[in-house]
Amino acid sequence: MLTKAELHNNSLIASVQLLAWLLFHPSAWRDYISQIHPSLQPNFVLGDVPVAYKHDPKLRRLRYLAYIVLPLLVGLLIGLLLSMIHLVPWFFAQLLPEELVKIFLNLFNETKPIEVVYPLPERFVSNLVLGVSYGMVLCLISSVFSSLIISFPFALMASVLGGFLVGLFLGSGLSEENAWAIIFGIFAISMAGSVITHYHQESNQRSFSWQMGSFLIGTGLGIVSAIVVGIIMLAITLLVGASVGWLIASLFPEMKGDFESYAQIIGMAVTVGLFLGGYLKNHWRDAVKWGLLFGCLITVLMLLILGIVSQMEPHTWIKRLLSGITGGTVNATAFAILFAVPYLLAQRFASIRAGVIAGILGSGGLYLGVMLMAGGSIYWLLWGLLFFVLGFSQKYWLPILFYPIESAWNLWLYRVQKRHPERSVDLLSQHSAFWNEHQRLPLRGLESLLVSVHKHNQYAAQDAMRELSNGLQSWAVQATQIEANMQRLEACDTIENIAEVHDEL
């Protein structure tokens, strides 16, 4: 409140702070970006940064948090949660007396005694390695690509949510239905899309017909561009993959069987290089150079992988690690590009909201379409639609979810302020009205806190009310002003004092 937005010195806290800004406090993100360069938009991509400011300390720290700290944090959280899911029941099963556990379990099974055996889940270590590696790589790769071609705030939110949810699901081993990974990916990009639409709010003067037209344009562009881009990417991937597979099989016949499954990954790398080179450099020669560079790098990597682990047993942790790395890389890249192309087209011809819808149709919609063509259930479309709506509407249900927590926090602040009035200004800045800008429900007690602050620091209270007057809690400004005026009138002892206060009011 009333100060420049600054990130915490601790990198872990600063990473959480970034995500909190994007979800709850977008004006802080806008203020922080303006400190890098006044003309830089909140939805910037790295290519928008002026050359002279490429090495700005604030921008350099953003890249450090996005590309290093957040992927590590995602991997750490996945590892902790997976360990708790599997190890905590096993740990308590070892501590409790076996006879006590038998008596408890047999209460629910009178026909056959139950043996108390709770071993560690099969392949726990390999699944843990898969989940952590997949989540970290997905977070890193999607963050890099999205910050180059979509927007930096989108990259932060989509990469963290997608990496965490998909990695946790794959590492849990709870279901063989990998379609849930697609559903979680749709939820992540929908939530990230909702975040970036805040920085391009449509004018209230737009007519309903204009808004409906932009929605239809975005939807249409999303469907058409998703199909076209998907076909082109698939064709290049298959063609390059088949060519590389044939070449390797000719040069190294003993590696033919192992390399066939990795040839398509090389094809995908060439496709990504072509797209990024063409988009970032705007020249077909650069696109070819990038495509060849990506293809060669991945080919060398695949040869090294096969040379090291081709003799290893299946389901070993090293193979699961490589599966997580390759799977996370391929799917993060595919999702980012399939989102970017329709998003950029629809954003240019319609609006940011239409672009987000087009991007979701182009990425998650295409994934679900391919799955249905392979014999998947039609119900996955309903799940995809549900999670899209949940993610895109997070600004409406997330404040409701946090309302009880915010109310308890604000009540505690009010009581502390009563005991320590000298801390009024610092405590007021921590009120949720100043860090959750999407809270539509009235934060009862805000006016009482403002009145208390007004008694001790009138200027700070007026600045706070000026800031609140343009937000969703503007009701508290009028209530505070009325209460403060009443208290001033009550403090008057004479008619002359009342007349003087009346003139001021």
Protein backbone atom coordinates (compact mmCIF):
# COMPACT_ATOMS: atom_id res chain seq x y z
CA MET A 1 0.00 0.00 0.00
CA LEU A 2 1.31 3.42 -1.00
CA THR A 3 4.85 2.11 -1.57
CA LYS A 4 6.74 0.66 -4.49
CA ALA A 5 6.36 -3.07 -4.98
CA GLU A 6 9.51 -4.91 -3.97
CA LEU A 7 10.35 -8.60 -3.92
CA HIS A 8 11.54 -10.23 -0.72
CA ASN A 9 15.27 -10.86 -0.42
CA ASN A 10 14.71 -14.58 0.16
CA SER A 11 14.28 -16.31 -3.21
CA LEU A 12 11.74 -18.87 -2.01
CA ILE A 13 9.56 -16.21 -0.41
CA ALA A 14 9.96 -13.99 -3.48
CA SER A 15 8.78 -16.84 -5.73
CA VAL A 16 5.60 -17.29 -3.69
CA GLN A 17 5.21 -13.50 -3.63
CA LEU A 18 5.29 -13.37 -7.44
CA LEU A 19 2.50 -15.93 -7.72
CA ALA A 20 0.49 -14.08 -5.06
CA TRP A 21 0.86 -10.83 -7.00
CA LEU A 22 -0.46 -12.42 -10.16
CA LEU A 23 -3.41 -14.08 -8.42
CA PHE A 24 -4.43 -11.45 -5.88
CA HIS A 25 -2.47 -8.21 -6.29
CA PRO A 26 -2.00 -7.43 -10.02
CA SER A 27 -1.30 -3.74 -9.39
CA ALA A 28 1.87 -4.74 -7.50
CA TRP A 29 3.04 -6.76 -10.53
CA ARG A 30 2.25 -3.79 -12.79
CA ASP A 31 4.21 -1.45 -10.51
CA TYR A 32 7.20 -3.80 -10.34
CA ILE A 33 7.36 -4.14 -14.14
CA SER A 34 7.13 -0.36 -14.60
CA GLN A 35 10.25 -0.04 -12.44
CA ILE A 36 12.18 -2.04 -15.05
CA HIS A 37 11.07 0.35 -17.81
CA PRO A 38 8.09 2.74 -17.81
CA SER A 39 6.93 1.65 -21.27
CA LEU A 40 7.03 -2.08 -20.48
CA GLN A 41 3.55 -3.61 -20.38
CA PRO A 42 2.57 -6.07 -17.60
CA ASN A 43 1.95 -8.77 -20.23
CA PHE A 44 5.38 -8.34 -21.78
CA VAL A 45 7.46 -11.00 -23.49
CA LEU A 46 11.23 -10.94 -23.17
CA GLY A 47 11.55 -9.59 -26.70
CA ASP A 48 9.65 -6.43 -25.65
CA VAL A 49 12.37 -5.36 -23.21
CA PRO A 50 14.53 -2.56 -24.66
CA VAL A 51 18.08 -3.69 -25.42
CA ALA A 52 19.58 -1.29 -22.88
CA TYR A 53 17.45 -2.87 -20.12
CA LYS A 54 18.04 -6.55 -20.90
CA HIS A 55 20.36 -6.83 -17.90
CA ASP A 56 18.30 -4.76 -15.48
CA PRO A 57 18.71 -6.24 -11.96
CA LYS A 58 14.96 -6.59 -11.46
CA LEU A 59 14.51 -8.36 -14.80
CA ARG A 60 17.52 -10.55 -14.13
CA ARG A 61 16.01 -11.58 -10.81
CA LEU A 62 12.67 -12.36 -12.48
CA ARG A 63 14.44 -14.70 -14.90
CA TYR A 64 16.35 -16.31 -12.04
CA LEU A 65 13.15 -16.96 -10.09
CA ALA A 66 11.23 -18.20 -13.13
CA TYR A 67 13.89 -20.48 -14.62
CA ILE A 68 15.70 -21.78 -11.54
CA VAL A 69 13.93 -21.22 -8.22
CA LEU A 70 10.34 -22.01 -9.25
CA PRO A 71 11.19 -25.32 -11.03
CA LEU A 72 13.19 -26.38 -7.98
CA LEU A 73 10.32 -25.34 -5.70
CA VAL A 74 7.85 -27.34 -7.82
CA GLY A 75 10.09 -30.41 -7.63
CA LEU A 76 10.49 -30.00 -3.87
CA LEU A 77 6.73 -29.73 -3.29
CA ILE A 78 6.00 -32.75 -5.49
CA GLY A 79 8.62 -34.80 -3.69
CA LEU A 80 7.33 -33.83 -0.24
CA LEU A 81 3.68 -34.52 -1.08
CA LEU A 82 4.40 -37.86 -2.75
CA SER A 83 6.53 -38.91 0.21
CA MET A 84 3.77 -37.92 2.63
CA ILE A 85 1.12 -39.77 0.62
CA HIS A 86 3.08 -43.02 0.61
CA LEU A 87 5.35 -42.91 3.64
CA VAL A 88 3.11 -41.48 6.38
CA PRO A 89 0.63 -44.44 6.36
CA TRP A 90 3.55 -46.86 6.24
CA PHE A 91 5.29 -45.07 9.11
CA PHE A 92 2.25 -45.13 11.41
CA ALA A 93 1.56 -48.75 10.48
CA GLN A 94 4.99 -49.61 11.83
CA LEU A 95 4.43 -47.70 15.09
CA LEU A 96 0.98 -49.01 16.04
CA PRO A 97 0.77 -52.41 17.77
CA GLU A 98 -0.17 -55.10 15.28
CA GLU A 99 -2.92 -56.54 17.51
CA LEU A 100 -4.57 -53.13 17.87
CA VAL A 101 -4.61 -52.60 14.12
CA LYS A 102 -6.06 -56.11 13.59
CA ILE A 103 -8.90 -55.47 16.04
CA PHE A 104 -9.73 -52.16 14.40
CA LEU A 105 -9.69 -53.51 10.85
CA ASN A 106 -11.63 -56.67 11.71
CA LEU A 107 -14.51 -54.52 12.99
CA PHE A 108 -15.27 -53.79 9.35
CA ASN A 109 -14.75 -57.34 8.12
CA GLU A 110 -16.40 -60.01 10.28
CA THR A 111 -16.14 -62.87 7.80
CA LYS A 112 -12.41 -63.07 7.26
CA PRO A 113 -9.56 -61.86 9.48
CA ILE A 114 -7.40 -59.20 7.91
CA GLU A 115 -3.66 -59.51 7.84
CA VAL A 116 -1.86 -56.31 8.75
CA VAL A 117 0.60 -55.86 5.94
CA TYR A 118 1.39 -52.37 4.72
CA PRO A 119 4.56 -52.53 2.65
CA LEU A 120 5.92 -49.58 0.79
CA PRO A 121 4.11 -49.13 -2.54
CA GLU A 122 5.66 -50.97 -5.44
CA ARG A 123 7.93 -48.75 -7.54
CA PHE A 124 7.65 -45.92 -5.02
CA VAL A 125 11.14 -44.60 -5.73
CA SER A 126 10.77 -44.82 -9.51
CA ASN A 127 7.37 -43.10 -9.42
CA LEU A 128 8.79 -40.41 -7.15
CA VAL A 129 11.63 -39.79 -9.59
CA LEU A 130 9.18 -39.69 -12.51
CA GLY A 131 6.87 -37.17 -10.82
CA VAL A 132 9.63 -34.84 -9.64
CA SER A 133 11.58 -34.88 -12.91
CA TYR A 134 8.47 -34.50 -15.06
CA GLY A 135 7.13 -31.60 -12.99
CA MET A 136 10.43 -29.74 -12.84
CA VAL A 137 11.18 -30.09 -16.56
CA LEU A 138 7.60 -29.20 -17.53
CA CYS A 139 7.83 -26.08 -15.34
CA LEU A 140 11.21 -25.04 -16.74
CA ILE A 141 10.57 -25.64 -20.46
CA SER A 142 7.07 -24.15 -20.50
CA SER A 143 8.33 -21.12 -18.57
CA VAL A 144 11.13 -20.49 -21.06
CA PHE A 145 9.03 -20.91 -24.21
CA SER A 146 5.98 -19.07 -22.86
CA SER A 147 8.01 -16.07 -21.70
CA LEU A 148 9.45 -15.79 -25.22
CA ILE A 149 6.26 -16.09 -27.27
CA ILE A 150 3.17 -15.58 -25.02
CA SER A 151 3.79 -13.42 -21.94
CA PHE A 152 5.93 -13.51 -18.82
CA PRO A 153 3.09 -13.57 -16.25
CA PHE A 154 1.38 -16.34 -18.23
CA ALA A 155 4.65 -18.28 -18.20
CA LEU A 156 4.97 -18.00 -14.43
CA MET A 157 1.44 -19.12 -13.63
CA ALA A 158 1.00 -21.82 -16.28
CA SER A 159 4.41 -23.42 -15.73
CA VAL A 160 4.11 -23.65 -11.95
CA LEU A 161 0.52 -24.92 -11.91
CA GLY A 162 1.01 -27.28 -14.83
CA GLY A 163 4.30 -28.68 -13.58
CA PHE A 164 3.00 -29.20 -10.05
CA LEU A 165 -0.36 -30.79 -10.93
CA VAL A 166 0.87 -33.01 -13.76
CA GLY A 167 4.02 -34.09 -11.92
CA LEU A 168 2.06 -34.90 -8.76
CA PHE A 169 -0.49 -36.93 -10.71
CA LEU A 170 2.06 -38.95 -12.67
CA GLY A 171 4.20 -39.58 -9.61
CA SER A 172 1.29 -40.72 -7.46
CA GLY A 173 0.56 -43.75 -9.64
CA LEU A 174 -3.10 -43.49 -8.59
CA SER A 175 -4.50 -43.83 -12.09
CA GLU A 176 -3.41 -45.18 -15.44
CA GLU A 177 -5.63 -42.63 -17.20
CA ASN A 178 -3.05 -40.17 -18.51
CA ALA A 179 -5.93 -38.06 -19.82
CA TRP A 180 -6.02 -36.49 -16.36
CA ALA A 181 -2.63 -34.96 -17.13
CA ILE A 182 -4.23 -33.21 -20.13
CA ILE A 183 -7.14 -32.03 -17.96
CA PHE A 184 -4.74 -30.58 -15.38
CA GLY A 185 -2.83 -28.90 -18.20
CA ILE A 186 -6.06 -27.29 -19.44
CA PHE A 187 -6.80 -26.06 -15.91
CA ALA A 188 -3.30 -24.56 -15.60
CA ILE A 189 -3.38 -22.62 -18.88
CA SER A 190 -6.98 -21.52 -18.23
CA MET A 191 -6.01 -20.08 -14.87
CA ALA A 192 -2.95 -18.42 -16.37
CA GLY A 193 -5.11 -17.04 -19.18
CA SER A 194 -7.49 -15.56 -16.62
CA VAL A 195 -4.54 -13.82 -14.96
CA ILE A 196 -3.32 -12.08 -18.12
CA THR A 197 -6.80 -10.90 -19.13
CA HIS A 198 -6.78 -8.66 -16.05
CA TYR A 199 -4.12 -6.46 -17.63
CA HIS A 200 -6.23 -5.90 -20.74
CA GLN A 201 -9.64 -5.17 -19.28
CA GLU A 202 -12.20 -4.47 -21.97
CA SER A 203 -13.81 -1.04 -21.97
CA ASN A 204 -17.28 -0.93 -20.47
CA GLN A 205 -18.39 0.99 -23.55
CA ARG A 206 -18.00 -2.09 -25.73
CA SER A 207 -21.35 -3.30 -26.95
CA PHE A 208 -22.61 -6.79 -26.37
CA SER A 209 -22.50 -7.48 -30.10
CA TRP A 210 -18.83 -6.45 -30.23
CA GLN A 211 -17.96 -8.70 -27.31
CA MET A 212 -19.89 -11.61 -28.80
CA GLY A 213 -18.21 -11.02 -32.14
CA SER A 214 -14.75 -11.11 -30.57
CA PHE A 215 -15.65 -14.32 -28.76
CA LEU A 216 -16.80 -15.97 -31.99
CA ILE A 217 -13.74 -14.74 -33.86
CA GLY A 218 -11.47 -16.08 -31.15
CA THR A 219 -13.24 -19.42 -31.06
CA GLY A 220 -13.18 -19.74 -34.84
CA LEU A 221 -9.53 -18.81 -35.11
CA GLY A 222 -8.73 -21.22 -32.30
CA ILE A 223 -10.36 -24.16 -34.04
CA VAL A 224 -8.96 -23.41 -37.50
CA SER A 225 -5.45 -22.50 -36.41
CA ALA A 226 -5.27 -25.44 -33.99
CA ILE A 227 -6.11 -27.87 -36.77
CA VAL A 228 -3.74 -26.25 -39.28
CA VAL A 229 -0.83 -25.84 -36.87
CA GLY A 230 -1.38 -29.30 -35.42
CA ILE A 231 -1.33 -30.91 -38.87
CA ILE A 232 1.80 -29.00 -39.91
CA MET A 233 3.62 -29.84 -36.67
CA LEU A 234 2.59 -33.47 -36.86
CA ALA A 235 3.68 -33.74 -40.49
CA ILE A 236 7.10 -32.20 -39.83
CA THR A 237 7.55 -34.28 -36.69
CA LEU A 238 6.70 -37.56 -38.42
CA LEU A 239 8.75 -36.75 -41.51
CA VAL A 240 11.86 -35.73 -39.61
CA GLY A 241 11.42 -38.53 -37.10
CA ALA A 242 11.12 -41.14 -39.84
CA SER A 243 14.16 -39.75 -41.64
CA VAL A 244 16.29 -39.68 -38.49
CA GLY A 245 15.10 -43.13 -37.50
CA TRP A 246 16.04 -44.52 -40.91
CA LEU A 247 19.46 -42.83 -40.80
CA ILE A 248 20.29 -44.13 -37.32
CA ALA A 249 19.06 -47.61 -38.22
CA SER A 250 21.34 -47.59 -41.25
CA LEU A 251 24.40 -46.39 -39.34
CA PHE A 252 23.77 -48.24 -36.06
CA PRO A 253 21.62 -51.34 -36.70
CA GLU A 254 21.99 -52.54 -33.11
CA MET A 255 20.20 -49.38 -31.83
CA LYS A 256 17.26 -49.54 -34.24
CA GLY A 257 14.71 -50.95 -31.80
CA ASP A 258 15.61 -48.60 -28.95
CA PHE A 259 15.83 -45.49 -31.10
CA GLU A 260 12.49 -45.76 -32.89
CA SER A 261 10.56 -44.43 -29.89
CA TYR A 262 12.90 -41.43 -29.59
CA ALA A 263 12.97 -40.47 -33.28
CA GLN A 264 9.68 -38.57 -32.99
CA ILE A 265 11.14 -36.49 -30.16
CA ILE A 266 13.88 -35.35 -32.52
CA GLY A 267 11.21 -34.50 -35.07
CA MET A 268 9.40 -32.44 -32.45
CA ALA A 269 12.66 -30.61 -31.63
CA VAL A 270 13.15 -29.66 -35.28
CA THR A 271 9.54 -28.44 -35.44
CA VAL A 272 10.03 -26.29 -32.36
CA GLY A 273 13.24 -24.85 -33.75
CA LEU A 274 11.52 -23.94 -37.01
CA PHE A 275 8.68 -22.22 -35.18
CA LEU A 276 10.84 -20.29 -32.71
CA GLY A 277 13.36 -19.25 -35.34
CA GLY A 278 10.63 -18.03 -37.66
CA TYR A 279 8.68 -16.25 -34.93
CA LEU A 280 11.58 -14.57 -33.13
CA LYS A 281 13.75 -13.75 -36.15
CA ASN A 282 11.07 -13.32 -38.85
CA HIS A 283 13.18 -15.00 -41.52
CA TRP A 284 13.00 -18.46 -43.05
CA ARG A 285 16.79 -18.90 -42.97
CA ASP A 286 16.86 -18.36 -39.22
CA ALA A 287 13.98 -20.81 -38.87
CA VAL A 288 15.99 -23.47 -40.73
CA LYS A 289 19.09 -22.75 -38.61
CA TRP A 290 17.13 -23.06 -35.37
CA GLY A 291 15.44 -26.22 -36.58
CA LEU A 292 18.76 -27.86 -37.45
CA LEU A 293 20.32 -26.70 -34.18
CA PHE A 294 17.49 -28.09 -32.04
CA GLY A 295 17.44 -31.32 -34.02
CA CYS A 296 21.19 -31.88 -33.70
CA LEU A 297 21.23 -31.15 -29.97
CA ILE A 298 18.38 -33.53 -29.24
CA THR A 299 19.90 -36.21 -31.49
CA VAL A 300 23.17 -36.09 -29.57
CA LEU A 301 21.26 -36.20 -26.29
CA MET A 302 19.21 -39.20 -27.40
CA LEU A 303 22.31 -41.09 -28.54
CA LEU A 304 23.95 -40.47 -25.17
CA ILE A 305 20.83 -41.62 -23.33
CA LEU A 306 20.54 -44.80 -25.34
CA GLY A 307 24.24 -45.53 -25.01
CA ILE A 308 24.05 -45.28 -21.23
CA VAL A 309 20.76 -46.91 -20.28
CA SER A 310 19.90 -49.22 -23.16
CA GLN A 311 20.99 -52.24 -21.10
CA MET A 312 19.13 -51.29 -17.93
CA GLU A 313 16.05 -53.05 -16.60
CA PRO A 314 12.65 -51.42 -17.12
CA HIS A 315 11.11 -49.34 -14.29
CA THR A 316 14.50 -48.47 -12.85
CA TRP A 317 14.79 -44.98 -11.44
CA ILE A 318 17.20 -43.84 -14.15
CA LYS A 319 14.77 -44.82 -16.89
CA ARG A 320 11.94 -43.11 -15.07
CA LEU A 321 14.13 -40.03 -14.76
CA LEU A 322 14.75 -39.98 -18.51
CA SER A 323 11.05 -40.55 -19.16
CA GLY A 324 10.23 -37.56 -16.99
CA ILE A 325 12.78 -35.38 -18.76
CA THR A 326 11.73 -36.33 -22.30
CA GLY A 327 7.99 -36.37 -21.54
CA GLY A 328 8.10 -33.04 -19.73
CA THR A 329 10.12 -31.44 -22.51
CA VAL A 330 7.93 -32.67 -25.36
CA ASN A 331 4.58 -31.87 -23.76
CA ALA A 332 5.65 -28.48 -22.39
CA THR A 333 6.90 -27.49 -25.82
CA ALA A 334 3.83 -28.79 -27.63
CA PHE A 335 1.39 -27.12 -25.23
CA ALA A 336 3.24 -23.79 -25.44
CA ILE A 337 3.36 -23.68 -29.24
CA LEU A 338 -0.18 -24.98 -29.74
CA PHE A 339 -1.38 -22.29 -27.36
CA ALA A 340 0.78 -19.51 -28.80
CA VAL A 341 -0.21 -19.62 -32.47
CA PRO A 342 -4.02 -19.26 -32.09
CA TYR A 343 -3.52 -16.93 -29.12
CA LEU A 344 -1.40 -14.50 -31.12
CA LEU A 345 -3.76 -14.58 -34.10
CA ALA A 346 -6.94 -14.06 -32.08
CA GLN A 347 -5.34 -11.39 -29.90
CA ARG A 348 -4.33 -9.40 -32.96
CA PHE A 349 -7.71 -9.58 -34.72
CA ALA A 350 -10.07 -9.62 -31.72
CA SER A 351 -9.09 -9.27 -28.04
CA ILE A 352 -6.94 -10.77 -25.32
CA ARG A 353 -9.89 -12.77 -24.01
CA ALA A 354 -10.54 -14.20 -27.45
CA GLY A 355 -6.85 -15.01 -27.72
CA VAL A 356 -6.86 -16.99 -24.48
CA ILE A 357 -9.94 -18.97 -25.55
CA ALA A 358 -8.36 -19.65 -28.94
CA GLY A 359 -5.14 -20.77 -27.29
CA ILE A 360 -6.92 -23.19 -24.97
CA LEU A 361 -8.82 -24.68 -27.89
CA GLY A 362 -5.59 -24.93 -29.84
CA SER A 363 -3.65 -26.74 -27.13
CA GLY A 364 -5.91 -28.64 -24.75
CA GLY A 365 -8.64 -29.05 -27.37
CA LEU A 366 -6.25 -30.62 -29.85
CA TYR A 367 -4.82 -32.96 -27.20
CA LEU A 368 -8.32 -34.12 -26.25
CA GLY A 369 -9.27 -34.48 -29.91
CA VAL A 370 -6.30 -36.75 -30.61
CA MET A 371 -7.15 -38.79 -27.51
CA LEU A 372 -10.76 -39.24 -28.64
CA MET A 373 -9.62 -40.32 -32.09
CA ALA A 374 -7.52 -42.98 -30.37
CA GLY A 375 -10.63 -44.39 -28.67
CA GLY A 376 -10.91 -42.24 -25.54
CA SER A 377 -14.20 -41.61 -23.78
CA ILE A 378 -16.35 -38.64 -24.80
CA TYR A 379 -16.66 -37.79 -21.11
CA TRP A 380 -13.13 -36.40 -21.16
CA LEU A 381 -14.48 -33.48 -23.18
CA LEU A 382 -16.87 -32.68 -20.34
CA TRP A 383 -14.05 -32.86 -17.81
CA GLY A 384 -11.95 -30.61 -20.02
CA LEU A 385 -14.78 -28.07 -20.30
CA LEU A 386 -15.37 -28.14 -16.53
CA PHE A 387 -11.71 -27.52 -15.68
CA PHE A 388 -11.49 -24.81 -18.35
CA VAL A 389 -14.42 -22.98 -16.74
CA LEU A 390 -12.91 -23.44 -13.26
CA GLY A 391 -9.55 -22.07 -14.33
CA PHE A 392 -10.90 -19.18 -16.36
CA SER A 393 -13.30 -18.09 -13.60
CA GLN A 394 -10.77 -18.22 -10.75
CA LYS A 395 -11.24 -14.50 -10.02
CA TYR A 396 -14.80 -15.27 -8.91
CA TRP A 397 -14.46 -18.44 -6.81
CA LEU A 398 -10.94 -18.01 -5.40
CA PRO A 399 -11.88 -14.91 -3.33
CA ILE A 400 -14.87 -16.79 -1.90
CA LEU A 401 -12.58 -19.67 -0.96
CA PHE A 402 -10.17 -17.31 0.81
CA TYR A 403 -12.84 -15.14 2.46
CA PRO A 404 -12.90 -16.98 5.84
CA ILE A 405 -9.10 -16.86 6.04
CA GLU A 406 -9.05 -13.17 5.16
CA SER A 407 -11.74 -12.38 7.72
CA ALA A 408 -9.81 -14.11 10.51
CA TRP A 409 -6.60 -12.36 9.48
CA ASN A 410 -8.24 -8.93 9.36
CA LEU A 411 -9.85 -9.44 12.77
CA TRP A 412 -6.46 -10.28 14.25
CA LEU A 413 -4.99 -7.11 12.67
CA TYR A 414 -7.76 -5.00 14.18
CA ARG A 415 -7.14 -6.38 17.67
CA VAL A 416 -3.38 -5.85 17.38
CA GLN A 417 -4.00 -2.28 16.23
CA LYS A 418 -6.16 -1.64 19.30
CA ARG A 419 -3.33 -2.80 21.57
CA HIS A 420 -0.56 -1.06 19.61
CA PRO A 421 -1.99 2.08 17.98
CA GLU A 422 1.51 3.29 17.10
CA ARG A 423 1.67 0.48 14.52
CA SER A 424 -1.57 1.54 12.82
CA VAL A 425 -0.11 2.42 9.42
CA ASP A 426 1.97 -0.76 9.14
CA LEU A 427 -0.96 -2.93 10.18
CA LEU A 428 -3.35 -1.22 7.78
CA SER A 429 -1.08 -2.01 4.82
CA GLN A 430 -1.34 -5.72 5.69
CA HIS A 431 -5.15 -5.74 5.52
CA SER A 432 -6.43 -8.07 2.79
CA ALA A 433 -8.24 -5.18 1.10
CA PHE A 434 -4.82 -3.98 -0.07
CA TRP A 435 -3.45 -7.31 -1.34
CA ASN A 436 -6.53 -9.13 -2.65
CA GLU A 437 -7.91 -6.83 -5.32
CA HIS A 438 -10.42 -9.41 -6.56
CA GLN A 439 -12.34 -9.78 -3.28
CA ARG A 440 -15.93 -8.81 -4.07
CA LEU A 441 -17.42 -9.79 -0.72
CA PRO A 442 -17.45 -6.91 1.79
CA LEU A 443 -14.64 -7.16 4.32
CA ARG A 444 -16.57 -6.25 7.45
CA GLY A 445 -14.53 -4.36 9.98
CA LEU A 446 -12.43 -2.53 7.40
CA GLU A 447 -14.20 0.74 8.19
CA SER A 448 -13.53 0.28 11.91
CA LEU A 449 -9.82 -0.22 11.26
CA LEU A 450 -9.74 2.83 9.00
CA VAL A 451 -11.45 4.95 11.66
CA SER A 452 -8.94 3.78 14.27
CA VAL A 453 -6.04 4.60 11.97
CA HIS A 454 -7.65 7.98 11.20
CA LYS A 455 -7.42 8.92 14.88
CA HIS A 456 -3.66 8.32 14.99
CA ASN A 457 -2.56 9.22 11.47
CA GLN A 458 -5.07 11.18 9.47
CA TYR A 459 -2.91 11.48 6.35
CA ALA A 460 -2.21 7.75 6.12
CA ALA A 461 -5.92 7.00 6.51
CA GLN A 462 -6.81 9.46 3.75
CA ASP A 463 -4.22 7.94 1.41
CA ALA A 464 -5.61 4.48 2.13
CA MET A 465 -9.19 5.62 1.49
CA ARG A 466 -8.10 7.25 -1.76
CA GLU A 467 -6.59 3.93 -2.85
CA LEU A 468 -9.68 1.96 -1.82
CA SER A 469 -12.09 4.34 -3.52
CA ASN A 470 -11.31 2.84 -6.95
CA GLY A 471 -11.55 -0.79 -5.85
CA LEU A 472 -14.15 -3.36 -4.86
CA GLN A 473 -14.08 -2.28 -1.19
CA SER A 474 -14.97 1.36 -1.91
CA TRP A 475 -18.04 1.03 0.35
CA ALA A 476 -15.68 1.21 3.35
CA VAL A 477 -14.47 4.68 2.32
CA GLN A 478 -17.91 6.26 2.65
CA ALA A 479 -18.63 4.37 5.88
CA THR A 480 -15.29 5.49 7.33
CA GLN A 481 -15.88 9.10 6.36
CA ILE A 482 -19.33 9.13 7.96
CA GLU A 483 -18.04 7.53 11.16
CA ALA A 484 -15.06 9.89 11.36
CA ASN A 485 -17.31 12.92 10.86
CA MET A 486 -19.69 11.72 13.57
CA GLN A 487 -16.82 11.30 16.01
CA ARG A 488 -15.57 14.80 15.25
CA LEU A 489 -19.04 16.23 15.90
CA GLU A 490 -19.38 14.24 19.13
CA ALA A 491 -16.12 15.72 20.36
CA CYS A 492 -17.44 19.28 20.02
CA ASP A 493 -18.27 21.04 23.31
CA THR A 494 -19.76 24.30 22.06
CA ILE A 495 -21.97 25.62 19.29
CA GLU A 496 -18.98 27.46 17.85
CA ASN A 497 -16.98 24.22 17.58
CA ILE A 498 -19.88 22.48 15.87
CA ALA A 499 -20.19 25.33 13.37
CA GLU A 500 -16.45 25.21 12.66
CA VAL A 501 -16.48 21.44 12.08
CA HIS A 502 -19.61 21.78 9.97
CA ASP A 503 -17.88 24.27 7.67
CA GLU A 504 -14.89 21.94 7.29
CA LEU A 505 -17.11 18.97 6.48
